[in-house]
């Protein structure tokens, strides 16, 4: 067994089931899950009234905080699951330095646009105080949401990657995803 930690990047468009899968993977692997929106929620709690947007003051502070936390954990030798709806343009420049200290693997969540839209609407209805999510900016109609969903640019690095369909359970299954994560060990 090597001493290099693994960084499991869970990515995909909003509503793709990333956070749920990230927490399940972290539990199965036995490591922390660092979720970008959970960091931002903590900032919102500390700051008070904030209106989330794709680019707002807290989003700008969350990005470096998220990657700094990952760097601290990986430097300490902690295998970590990292989850965010970042597209390639944000993941790539921040993952490249981490590739020197960790075995990076990407789990890309895929789901039908309608399912993602329904999930986003459901979380808006169930928890309207989740102020860190900029879900309202995703569009209140299915067509607007679908454009962003289909335009999502996944991580494009020459590293191990797996696509997981998250519409109804996981395909491939959780055992296979864990085996993919553990393959580099």
C-alpha atoms as a PDB file:
ATOM      1  CA  UNK A   1       0.000   0.000   0.000  1.00  0.00           C
ATOM      2  CA  UNK A   2       1.455   3.367  -1.048  1.00  0.00           C
ATOM      3  CA  UNK A   3       1.523   6.561   0.927  1.00  0.00           C
ATOM      4  CA  UNK A   4      -0.102   8.678  -1.760  1.00  0.00           C
ATOM      5  CA  UNK A   5      -3.650   9.687  -0.860  1.00  0.00           C
ATOM      6  CA  UNK A   6      -6.466   9.484  -3.383  1.00  0.00           C
ATOM      7  CA  UNK A   7      -8.541  12.503  -4.371  1.00  0.00           C
ATOM      8  CA  UNK A   8     -11.927  11.423  -5.659  1.00  0.00           C
ATOM      9  CA  UNK A   9     -13.495  14.256  -7.642  1.00  0.00           C
ATOM     10  CA  UNK A  10     -17.272  13.963  -7.927  1.00  0.00           C
ATOM     11  CA  UNK A  11     -18.493  16.312 -10.610  1.00  0.00           C
ATOM     12  CA  UNK A  12     -21.486  16.915 -12.828  1.00  0.00           C
ATOM     13  CA  UNK A  13     -24.193  19.463 -13.510  1.00  0.00           C
ATOM     14  CA  UNK A  14     -26.580  20.756 -10.823  1.00  0.00           C
ATOM     15  CA  UNK A  15     -29.148  18.137  -9.855  1.00  0.00           C
ATOM     16  CA  UNK A  16     -26.978  15.212 -10.965  1.00  0.00           C
ATOM     17  CA  UNK A  17     -26.828  13.639  -7.491  1.00  0.00           C
ATOM     18  CA  UNK A  18     -23.204  14.561  -6.743  1.00  0.00           C
ATOM     19  CA  UNK A  19     -23.520  15.379  -3.059  1.00  0.00           C
ATOM     20  CA  UNK A  20     -25.437  12.220  -2.223  1.00  0.00           C
ATOM     21  CA  UNK A  21     -22.931  10.062  -4.104  1.00  0.00           C
ATOM     22  CA  UNK A  22     -19.954  11.916  -2.591  1.00  0.00           C
ATOM     23  CA  UNK A  23     -21.160  11.227   0.948  1.00  0.00           C
ATOM     24  CA  UNK A  24     -21.889   7.569   0.148  1.00  0.00           C
ATOM     25  CA  UNK A  25     -18.430   7.126  -1.390  1.00  0.00           C
ATOM     26  CA  UNK A  26     -16.700   8.825   1.535  1.00  0.00           C
ATOM     27  CA  UNK A  27     -18.555   6.587   3.962  1.00  0.00           C
ATOM     28  CA  UNK A  28     -17.656   3.435   2.014  1.00  0.00           C
ATOM     29  CA  UNK A  29     -14.016   4.450   1.532  1.00  0.00           C
ATOM     30  CA  UNK A  30     -13.621   5.774   5.066  1.00  0.00           C
ATOM     31  CA  UNK A  31     -12.594   9.339   4.349  1.00  0.00           C
ATOM     32  CA  UNK A  32     -13.998  12.872   4.505  1.00  0.00           C
ATOM     33  CA  UNK A  33     -16.255  14.368   1.858  1.00  0.00           C
ATOM     34  CA  UNK A  34     -15.539  18.015   1.147  1.00  0.00           C
ATOM     35  CA  UNK A  35     -18.481  19.593  -0.642  1.00  0.00           C
ATOM     36  CA  UNK A  36     -18.225  23.060  -2.088  1.00  0.00           C
ATOM     37  CA  UNK A  37     -21.828  24.021  -1.317  1.00  0.00           C
ATOM     38  CA  UNK A  38     -21.505  22.824   2.278  1.00  0.00           C
ATOM     39  CA  UNK A  39     -18.510  25.134   2.744  1.00  0.00           C
ATOM     40  CA  UNK A  40     -20.537  27.972   1.261  1.00  0.00           C
ATOM     41  CA  UNK A  41     -23.516  27.147   3.511  1.00  0.00           C
ATOM     42  CA  UNK A  42     -21.190  27.530   6.501  1.00  0.00           C
ATOM     43  CA  UNK A  43     -20.113  30.922   5.208  1.00  0.00           C
ATOM     44  CA  UNK A  44     -23.748  31.937   4.728  1.00  0.00           C
ATOM     45  CA  UNK A  45     -24.515  30.877   8.299  1.00  0.00           C
ATOM     46  CA  UNK A  46     -21.651  32.991   9.626  1.00  0.00           C
ATOM     47  CA  UNK A  47     -22.338  35.974   7.365  1.00  0.00           C
ATOM     48  CA  UNK A  48     -26.109  36.190   7.540  1.00  0.00           C
ATOM     49  CA  UNK A  49     -28.387  37.279   4.746  1.00  0.00           C
ATOM     50  CA  UNK A  50     -26.904  36.455   1.361  1.00  0.00           C
ATOM     51  CA  UNK A  51     -28.496  36.105  -2.030  1.00  0.00           C
ATOM     52  CA  UNK A  52     -26.731  33.343  -3.920  1.00  0.00           C
ATOM     53  CA  UNK A  53     -25.816  33.867  -7.538  1.00  0.00           C
ATOM     54  CA  UNK A  54     -23.446  32.115  -9.941  1.00  0.00           C
ATOM     55  CA  UNK A  55     -20.868  34.745  -9.015  1.00  0.00           C
ATOM     56  CA  UNK A  56     -21.368  36.390  -5.635  1.00  0.00           C
ATOM     57  CA  UNK A  57     -19.021  37.458  -2.840  1.00  0.00           C
ATOM     58  CA  UNK A  58     -19.235  34.138  -1.016  1.00  0.00           C
ATOM     59  CA  UNK A  59     -18.786  32.109  -4.195  1.00  0.00           C
ATOM     60  CA  UNK A  60     -15.562  33.989  -4.830  1.00  0.00           C
ATOM     61  CA  UNK A  61     -14.367  33.190  -1.288  1.00  0.00           C
ATOM     62  CA  UNK A  62     -15.571  29.594  -1.420  1.00  0.00           C
ATOM     63  CA  UNK A  63     -13.446  28.597  -4.422  1.00  0.00           C
ATOM     64  CA  UNK A  64     -10.013  29.151  -2.821  1.00  0.00           C
ATOM     65  CA  UNK A  65     -11.255  27.834   0.520  1.00  0.00           C
ATOM     66  CA  UNK A  66     -12.464  24.594  -1.097  1.00  0.00           C
ATOM     67  CA  UNK A  67      -9.149  23.940  -2.832  1.00  0.00           C
ATOM     68  CA  UNK A  68      -7.075  24.997   0.178  1.00  0.00           C
ATOM     69  CA  UNK A  69      -8.944  22.494   2.358  1.00  0.00           C
ATOM     70  CA  UNK A  70      -8.266  19.792  -0.239  1.00  0.00           C
ATOM     71  CA  UNK A  71      -4.573  20.682  -0.376  1.00  0.00           C
ATOM     72  CA  UNK A  72      -4.254  20.605   3.429  1.00  0.00           C
ATOM     73  CA  UNK A  73      -5.928  17.188   3.664  1.00  0.00           C
ATOM     74  CA  UNK A  74      -3.990  15.654   0.775  1.00  0.00           C
ATOM     75  CA  UNK A  75      -0.663  17.032   2.013  1.00  0.00           C
ATOM     76  CA  UNK A  76      -1.426  15.374   5.362  1.00  0.00           C
ATOM     77  CA  UNK A  77      -1.956  12.084   3.499  1.00  0.00           C
ATOM     78  CA  UNK A  78      -5.754  12.021   3.819  1.00  0.00           C
ATOM     79  CA  UNK A  79      -7.717  10.365   1.024  1.00  0.00           C
ATOM     80  CA  UNK A  80     -10.580  12.738   0.276  1.00  0.00           C
ATOM     81  CA  UNK A  81     -13.781  12.916  -1.759  1.00  0.00           C
ATOM     82  CA  UNK A  82     -14.291  16.387  -3.283  1.00  0.00           C
ATOM     83  CA  UNK A  83     -17.652  17.378  -4.720  1.00  0.00           C
ATOM     84  CA  UNK A  84     -18.659  20.448  -6.704  1.00  0.00           C
ATOM     85  CA  UNK A  85     -20.597  21.389  -9.823  1.00  0.00           C
ATOM     86  CA  UNK A  86     -17.486  22.985 -11.273  1.00  0.00           C
ATOM     87  CA  UNK A  87     -16.908  22.601 -14.969  1.00  0.00           C
ATOM     88  CA  UNK A  88     -13.539  21.845 -16.570  1.00  0.00           C
ATOM     89  CA  UNK A  89     -12.491  25.509 -16.633  1.00  0.00           C
ATOM     90  CA  UNK A  90     -12.561  25.613 -12.798  1.00  0.00           C
ATOM     91  CA  UNK A  91     -11.526  22.049 -11.963  1.00  0.00           C
ATOM     92  CA  UNK A  92      -8.552  21.804 -14.346  1.00  0.00           C
ATOM     93  CA  UNK A  93      -6.299  24.625 -13.070  1.00  0.00           C
ATOM     94  CA  UNK A  94      -6.953  23.686  -9.441  1.00  0.00           C
ATOM     95  CA  UNK A  95      -6.560  19.921  -9.890  1.00  0.00           C
ATOM     96  CA  UNK A  96      -3.272  20.060 -11.778  1.00  0.00           C
ATOM     97  CA  UNK A  97      -1.196  21.063  -8.710  1.00  0.00           C
ATOM     98  CA  UNK A  98      -3.020  18.473  -6.580  1.00  0.00           C
ATOM     99  CA  UNK A  99      -2.037  15.752  -9.056  1.00  0.00           C
ATOM    100  CA  UNK A 100       1.531  16.079  -7.721  1.00  0.00           C
ATOM    101  CA  UNK A 101       0.450  15.028  -4.216  1.00  0.00           C
ATOM    102  CA  UNK A 102      -2.497  12.700  -4.855  1.00  0.00           C
ATOM    103  CA  UNK A 103      -3.836   9.987  -7.108  1.00  0.00           C
ATOM    104  CA  UNK A 104      -6.740  11.918  -8.667  1.00  0.00           C
ATOM    105  CA  UNK A 105      -9.769  10.057  -9.971  1.00  0.00           C
ATOM    106  CA  UNK A 106     -12.911  11.631 -11.428  1.00  0.00           C
ATOM    107  CA  UNK A 107     -16.441  10.352 -10.953  1.00  0.00           C
ATOM    108  CA  UNK A 108     -18.643  12.201 -13.421  1.00  0.00           C
ATOM    109  CA  UNK A 109     -22.346  12.077 -12.590  1.00  0.00           C
ATOM    110  CA  UNK A 110     -24.764  11.915 -15.505  1.00  0.00           C
ATOM    111  CA  UNK A 111     -28.524  12.204 -15.412  1.00  0.00           C
ATOM    112  CA  UNK A 112     -31.278  13.223 -17.816  1.00  0.00           C
ATOM    113  CA  UNK A 113     -31.875  16.970 -17.922  1.00  0.00           C
ATOM    114  CA  UNK A 114     -35.492  16.543 -16.812  1.00  0.00           C
ATOM    115  CA  UNK A 115     -34.461  14.494 -13.770  1.00  0.00           C
ATOM    116  CA  UNK A 116     -31.851  17.104 -12.813  1.00  0.00           C
ATOM    117  CA  UNK A 117     -34.420  19.879 -13.230  1.00  0.00           C
ATOM    118  CA  UNK A 118     -36.923  18.010 -11.066  1.00  0.00           C
ATOM    119  CA  UNK A 119     -34.279  17.489  -8.358  1.00  0.00           C
ATOM    120  CA  UNK A 120     -33.303  21.160  -8.355  1.00  0.00           C
ATOM    121  CA  UNK A 121     -36.963  22.222  -8.113  1.00  0.00           C
ATOM    122  CA  UNK A 122     -37.601  19.683  -5.347  1.00  0.00           C
ATOM    123  CA  UNK A 123     -34.673  20.926  -3.254  1.00  0.00           C
ATOM    124  CA  UNK A 124     -35.854  24.521  -3.743  1.00  0.00           C
ATOM    125  CA  UNK A 125     -39.319  23.517  -2.499  1.00  0.00           C
ATOM    126  CA  UNK A 126     -38.083  21.343   0.377  1.00  0.00           C
ATOM    127  CA  UNK A 127     -35.467  23.724   1.721  1.00  0.00           C
ATOM    128  CA  UNK A 128     -35.936  27.332   0.605  1.00  0.00           C
ATOM    129  CA  UNK A 129     -33.423  28.528   3.207  1.00  0.00           C
ATOM    130  CA  UNK A 130     -30.494  26.804   1.470  1.00  0.00           C
ATOM    131  CA  UNK A 131     -29.167  30.207   0.593  1.00  0.00           C
ATOM    132  CA  UNK A 132     -25.810  29.062  -0.746  1.00  0.00           C
ATOM    133  CA  UNK A 133     -27.278  27.366  -3.798  1.00  0.00           C
ATOM    134  CA  UNK A 134     -27.749  29.546  -6.822  1.00  0.00           C
ATOM    135  CA  UNK A 135     -30.427  27.182  -8.121  1.00  0.00           C
ATOM    136  CA  UNK A 136     -32.752  30.057  -8.972  1.00  0.00           C
ATOM    137  CA  UNK A 137     -30.199  31.204 -11.537  1.00  0.00           C
ATOM    138  CA  UNK A 138     -30.490  27.852 -13.306  1.00  0.00           C
ATOM    139  CA  UNK A 139     -33.812  28.880 -14.736  1.00  0.00           C
ATOM    140  CA  UNK A 140     -37.320  28.318 -13.578  1.00  0.00           C
ATOM    141  CA  UNK A 141     -38.310  26.571 -16.746  1.00  0.00           C
ATOM    142  CA  UNK A 142     -37.244  23.244 -18.100  1.00  0.00           C
ATOM    143  CA  UNK A 143     -35.902  24.570 -21.414  1.00  0.00           C
ATOM    144  CA  UNK A 144     -33.569  27.118 -19.798  1.00  0.00           C
ATOM    145  CA  UNK A 145     -32.283  24.509 -17.369  1.00  0.00           C
ATOM    146  CA  UNK A 146     -31.740  21.974 -20.177  1.00  0.00           C
ATOM    147  CA  UNK A 147     -29.486  24.380 -22.092  1.00  0.00           C
ATOM    148  CA  UNK A 148     -27.150  24.716 -19.107  1.00  0.00           C
ATOM    149  CA  UNK A 149     -27.361  21.010 -18.332  1.00  0.00           C
ATOM    150  CA  UNK A 150     -26.407  19.937 -21.856  1.00  0.00           C
ATOM    151  CA  UNK A 151     -23.667  22.573 -22.046  1.00  0.00           C
ATOM    152  CA  UNK A 152     -21.913  21.309 -18.894  1.00  0.00           C
ATOM    153  CA  UNK A 153     -18.201  20.720 -19.594  1.00  0.00           C
ATOM    154  CA  UNK A 154     -16.814  17.765 -17.597  1.00  0.00           C
ATOM    155  CA  UNK A 155     -13.248  17.551 -16.293  1.00  0.00           C
ATOM    156  CA  UNK A 156     -10.855  17.038 -19.198  1.00  0.00           C
ATOM    157  CA  UNK A 157      -7.590  15.772 -17.791  1.00  0.00           C
ATOM    158  CA  UNK A 158      -5.640  12.655 -18.653  1.00  0.00           C
ATOM    159  CA  UNK A 159      -6.533  10.891 -15.390  1.00  0.00           C
ATOM    160  CA  UNK A 160      -8.753   7.912 -14.534  1.00  0.00           C
ATOM    161  CA  UNK A 161     -12.418   8.781 -14.986  1.00  0.00           C
ATOM    162  CA  UNK A 162     -15.707   6.958 -14.704  1.00  0.00           C
ATOM    163  CA  UNK A 163     -19.188   8.046 -15.749  1.00  0.00           C
ATOM    164  CA  UNK A 164     -22.008   7.179 -13.385  1.00  0.00           C
ATOM    165  CA  UNK A 165     -25.655   7.332 -14.354  1.00  0.00           C
ATOM    166  CA  UNK A 166     -27.516   8.646 -11.290  1.00  0.00           C
ATOM    167  CA  UNK A 167     -31.099   8.731 -12.530  1.00  0.00           C
ATOM    168  CA  UNK A 168     -32.384   5.712 -10.601  1.00  0.00           C
ATOM    169  CA  UNK A 169     -29.690   4.326  -8.339  1.00  0.00           C
ATOM    170  CA  UNK A 170     -26.160   4.154  -9.702  1.00  0.00           C
ATOM    171  CA  UNK A 171     -24.921   2.559 -12.924  1.00  0.00           C
ATOM    172  CA  UNK A 172     -22.306   1.268 -12.493  1.00  0.00           C
ATOM    173  CA  UNK A 173     -23.189   0.331  -8.934  1.00  0.00           C
ATOM    174  CA  UNK A 174     -21.588   1.666  -5.771  1.00  0.00           C
ATOM    175  CA  UNK A 175     -19.344  -1.415  -5.393  1.00  0.00           C
ATOM    176  CA  UNK A 176     -17.942  -0.849  -8.896  1.00  0.00           C
ATOM    177  CA  UNK A 177     -17.389   2.846  -8.221  1.00  0.00           C
ATOM    178  CA  UNK A 178     -15.493   2.042  -5.014  1.00  0.00           C
ATOM    179  CA  UNK A 179     -13.422  -0.532  -6.943  1.00  0.00           C
ATOM    180  CA  UNK A 180     -12.607   2.181  -9.524  1.00  0.00           C
ATOM    181  CA  UNK A 181     -11.491   4.535  -6.730  1.00  0.00           C
ATOM    182  CA  UNK A 182      -9.386   1.798  -5.093  1.00  0.00           C
ATOM    183  CA  UNK A 183      -7.806   0.594  -8.375  1.00  0.00           C
ATOM    184  CA  UNK A 184      -4.792   2.865  -7.976  1.00  0.00           C
ATOM    185  CA  UNK A 185      -3.924   1.550  -4.511  1.00  0.00           C
END
